[in-house]
């Protein structure tokens, strides 16, 4: 049984990383999943800037003015997938 299936929700689970992107899953709805994504990114020194549709824009807090856009996708009624660029993934890992 996978970590996503075992969990009660409330956390992002990294599924895979390839070609400069990582995929995370969240068990729950998009509102809860986005709050968790923003919280995890904040702990990794990336500030949430704004949401544009399914995209969440973050800015590095190191003064470099780097930005990263994570994109959400409702996979099923119970799971949300997030595609996260490598720079943000490495900080969250």
C-alpha atoms as a PDB file:
ATOM      1  CA  UNK A   1       0.000   0.000   0.000  1.00  0.00           C
ATOM      2  CA  UNK A   2       1.426   3.388  -0.946  1.00  0.00           C
ATOM      3  CA  UNK A   3       2.152   6.234   1.480  1.00  0.00           C
ATOM      4  CA  UNK A   4      -0.634   8.269  -0.114  1.00  0.00           C
ATOM      5  CA  UNK A   5      -3.208   5.528   0.515  1.00  0.00           C
ATOM      6  CA  UNK A   6      -2.049   4.933   4.089  1.00  0.00           C
ATOM      7  CA  UNK A   7      -2.161   8.574   5.152  1.00  0.00           C
ATOM      8  CA  UNK A   8      -5.217  10.298   6.519  1.00  0.00           C
ATOM      9  CA  UNK A   9      -4.463  13.355   4.425  1.00  0.00           C
ATOM     10  CA  UNK A  10      -2.847  16.514   5.660  1.00  0.00           C
ATOM     11  CA  UNK A  11       0.531  16.023   4.048  1.00  0.00           C
ATOM     12  CA  UNK A  12       2.067  16.225   0.628  1.00  0.00           C
ATOM     13  CA  UNK A  13       3.653  12.984  -0.513  1.00  0.00           C
ATOM     14  CA  UNK A  14       6.346  13.086  -3.172  1.00  0.00           C
ATOM     15  CA  UNK A  15       5.557  10.605  -5.923  1.00  0.00           C
ATOM     16  CA  UNK A  16       8.404  11.115  -8.378  1.00  0.00           C
ATOM     17  CA  UNK A  17      10.812  13.617  -9.865  1.00  0.00           C
ATOM     18  CA  UNK A  18      11.957  13.764 -13.467  1.00  0.00           C
ATOM     19  CA  UNK A  19      12.924  16.273 -16.126  1.00  0.00           C
ATOM     20  CA  UNK A  20      13.167  19.218 -13.731  1.00  0.00           C
ATOM     21  CA  UNK A  21       9.746  18.645 -12.143  1.00  0.00           C
ATOM     22  CA  UNK A  22       8.476  16.744  -9.115  1.00  0.00           C
ATOM     23  CA  UNK A  23       4.997  15.352  -8.597  1.00  0.00           C
ATOM     24  CA  UNK A  24       3.363  15.465  -5.185  1.00  0.00           C
ATOM     25  CA  UNK A  25       0.008  14.056  -4.101  1.00  0.00           C
ATOM     26  CA  UNK A  26      -2.349  15.275  -1.417  1.00  0.00           C
ATOM     27  CA  UNK A  27      -5.234  13.231  -0.073  1.00  0.00           C
ATOM     28  CA  UNK A  28      -8.087  15.680   0.386  1.00  0.00           C
ATOM     29  CA  UNK A  29      -9.596  18.627  -1.437  1.00  0.00           C
ATOM     30  CA  UNK A  30      -7.803  21.352  -3.382  1.00  0.00           C
ATOM     31  CA  UNK A  31      -8.309  24.035  -0.727  1.00  0.00           C
ATOM     32  CA  UNK A  32      -6.648  21.918   1.961  1.00  0.00           C
ATOM     33  CA  UNK A  33      -3.941  20.752  -0.433  1.00  0.00           C
ATOM     34  CA  UNK A  34      -3.061  24.283  -1.488  1.00  0.00           C
ATOM     35  CA  UNK A  35      -2.781  25.375   2.158  1.00  0.00           C
ATOM     36  CA  UNK A  36      -0.369  22.488   2.763  1.00  0.00           C
ATOM     37  CA  UNK A  37       1.657  23.334  -0.362  1.00  0.00           C
ATOM     38  CA  UNK A  38       1.931  26.975   0.729  1.00  0.00           C
ATOM     39  CA  UNK A  39       2.910  25.923   4.274  1.00  0.00           C
ATOM     40  CA  UNK A  40       5.601  23.499   3.010  1.00  0.00           C
ATOM     41  CA  UNK A  41       7.001  26.078   0.605  1.00  0.00           C
ATOM     42  CA  UNK A  42       7.082  28.688   3.372  1.00  0.00           C
ATOM     43  CA  UNK A  43       9.045  26.325   5.613  1.00  0.00           C
ATOM     44  CA  UNK A  44      11.481  25.923   2.700  1.00  0.00           C
ATOM     45  CA  UNK A  45      12.000  29.717   2.464  1.00  0.00           C
ATOM     46  CA  UNK A  46       9.690  30.328  -0.500  1.00  0.00           C
ATOM     47  CA  UNK A  47       6.947  32.951  -0.082  1.00  0.00           C
ATOM     48  CA  UNK A  48       3.536  32.498  -1.646  1.00  0.00           C
ATOM     49  CA  UNK A  49       2.966  35.396  -4.014  1.00  0.00           C
ATOM     50  CA  UNK A  50      -0.365  34.708  -5.752  1.00  0.00           C
ATOM     51  CA  UNK A  51      -2.635  32.132  -7.316  1.00  0.00           C
ATOM     52  CA  UNK A  52      -3.526  32.250 -10.993  1.00  0.00           C
ATOM     53  CA  UNK A  53      -6.075  29.557 -11.775  1.00  0.00           C
ATOM     54  CA  UNK A  54      -4.459  26.228 -10.958  1.00  0.00           C
ATOM     55  CA  UNK A  55      -1.004  27.819 -10.638  1.00  0.00           C
ATOM     56  CA  UNK A  56       0.602  28.895  -7.365  1.00  0.00           C
ATOM     57  CA  UNK A  57       3.408  31.424  -7.715  1.00  0.00           C
ATOM     58  CA  UNK A  58       6.188  31.430  -5.136  1.00  0.00           C
ATOM     59  CA  UNK A  59       9.179  33.726  -4.700  1.00  0.00           C
ATOM     60  CA  UNK A  60      12.478  32.716  -3.094  1.00  0.00           C
ATOM     61  CA  UNK A  61      13.153  34.512   0.174  1.00  0.00           C
ATOM     62  CA  UNK A  62      16.911  34.643  -0.457  1.00  0.00           C
ATOM     63  CA  UNK A  63      16.768  37.964  -2.300  1.00  0.00           C
ATOM     64  CA  UNK A  64      17.472  36.367  -5.677  1.00  0.00           C
ATOM     65  CA  UNK A  65      14.022  37.276  -7.078  1.00  0.00           C
ATOM     66  CA  UNK A  66      13.653  33.690  -8.346  1.00  0.00           C
ATOM     67  CA  UNK A  67      10.088  32.576  -8.917  1.00  0.00           C
ATOM     68  CA  UNK A  68       8.571  29.113  -9.165  1.00  0.00           C
ATOM     69  CA  UNK A  69       5.100  28.087 -10.307  1.00  0.00           C
ATOM     70  CA  UNK A  70       3.502  24.937  -8.913  1.00  0.00           C
ATOM     71  CA  UNK A  71       0.431  23.659 -10.756  1.00  0.00           C
ATOM     72  CA  UNK A  72      -2.416  21.690  -9.205  1.00  0.00           C
ATOM     73  CA  UNK A  73      -4.642  19.098 -10.811  1.00  0.00           C
ATOM     74  CA  UNK A  74      -7.582  17.339  -9.182  1.00  0.00           C
ATOM     75  CA  UNK A  75      -6.844  13.697  -9.953  1.00  0.00           C
ATOM     76  CA  UNK A  76      -9.863  12.053  -8.384  1.00  0.00           C
ATOM     77  CA  UNK A  77     -12.448  13.218  -5.909  1.00  0.00           C
ATOM     78  CA  UNK A  78     -10.032  12.324  -3.102  1.00  0.00           C
ATOM     79  CA  UNK A  79      -6.593  13.284  -4.456  1.00  0.00           C
ATOM     80  CA  UNK A  80      -4.894  16.410  -5.757  1.00  0.00           C
ATOM     81  CA  UNK A  81      -1.639  16.263  -7.734  1.00  0.00           C
ATOM     82  CA  UNK A  82       0.908  19.075  -7.723  1.00  0.00           C
ATOM     83  CA  UNK A  83       3.624  19.563 -10.331  1.00  0.00           C
ATOM     84  CA  UNK A  84       6.454  21.438  -8.630  1.00  0.00           C
ATOM     85  CA  UNK A  85       9.551  22.857 -10.394  1.00  0.00           C
ATOM     86  CA  UNK A  86      12.962  21.530  -9.332  1.00  0.00           C
ATOM     87  CA  UNK A  87      14.069  24.687  -7.486  1.00  0.00           C
ATOM     88  CA  UNK A  88      11.057  24.569  -5.174  1.00  0.00           C
ATOM     89  CA  UNK A  89      11.157  20.765  -4.880  1.00  0.00           C
ATOM     90  CA  UNK A  90      14.801  20.785  -3.797  1.00  0.00           C
ATOM     91  CA  UNK A  91      14.011  23.300  -1.066  1.00  0.00           C
ATOM     92  CA  UNK A  92      10.979  21.304   0.117  1.00  0.00           C
ATOM     93  CA  UNK A  93      12.825  17.968   0.099  1.00  0.00           C
END
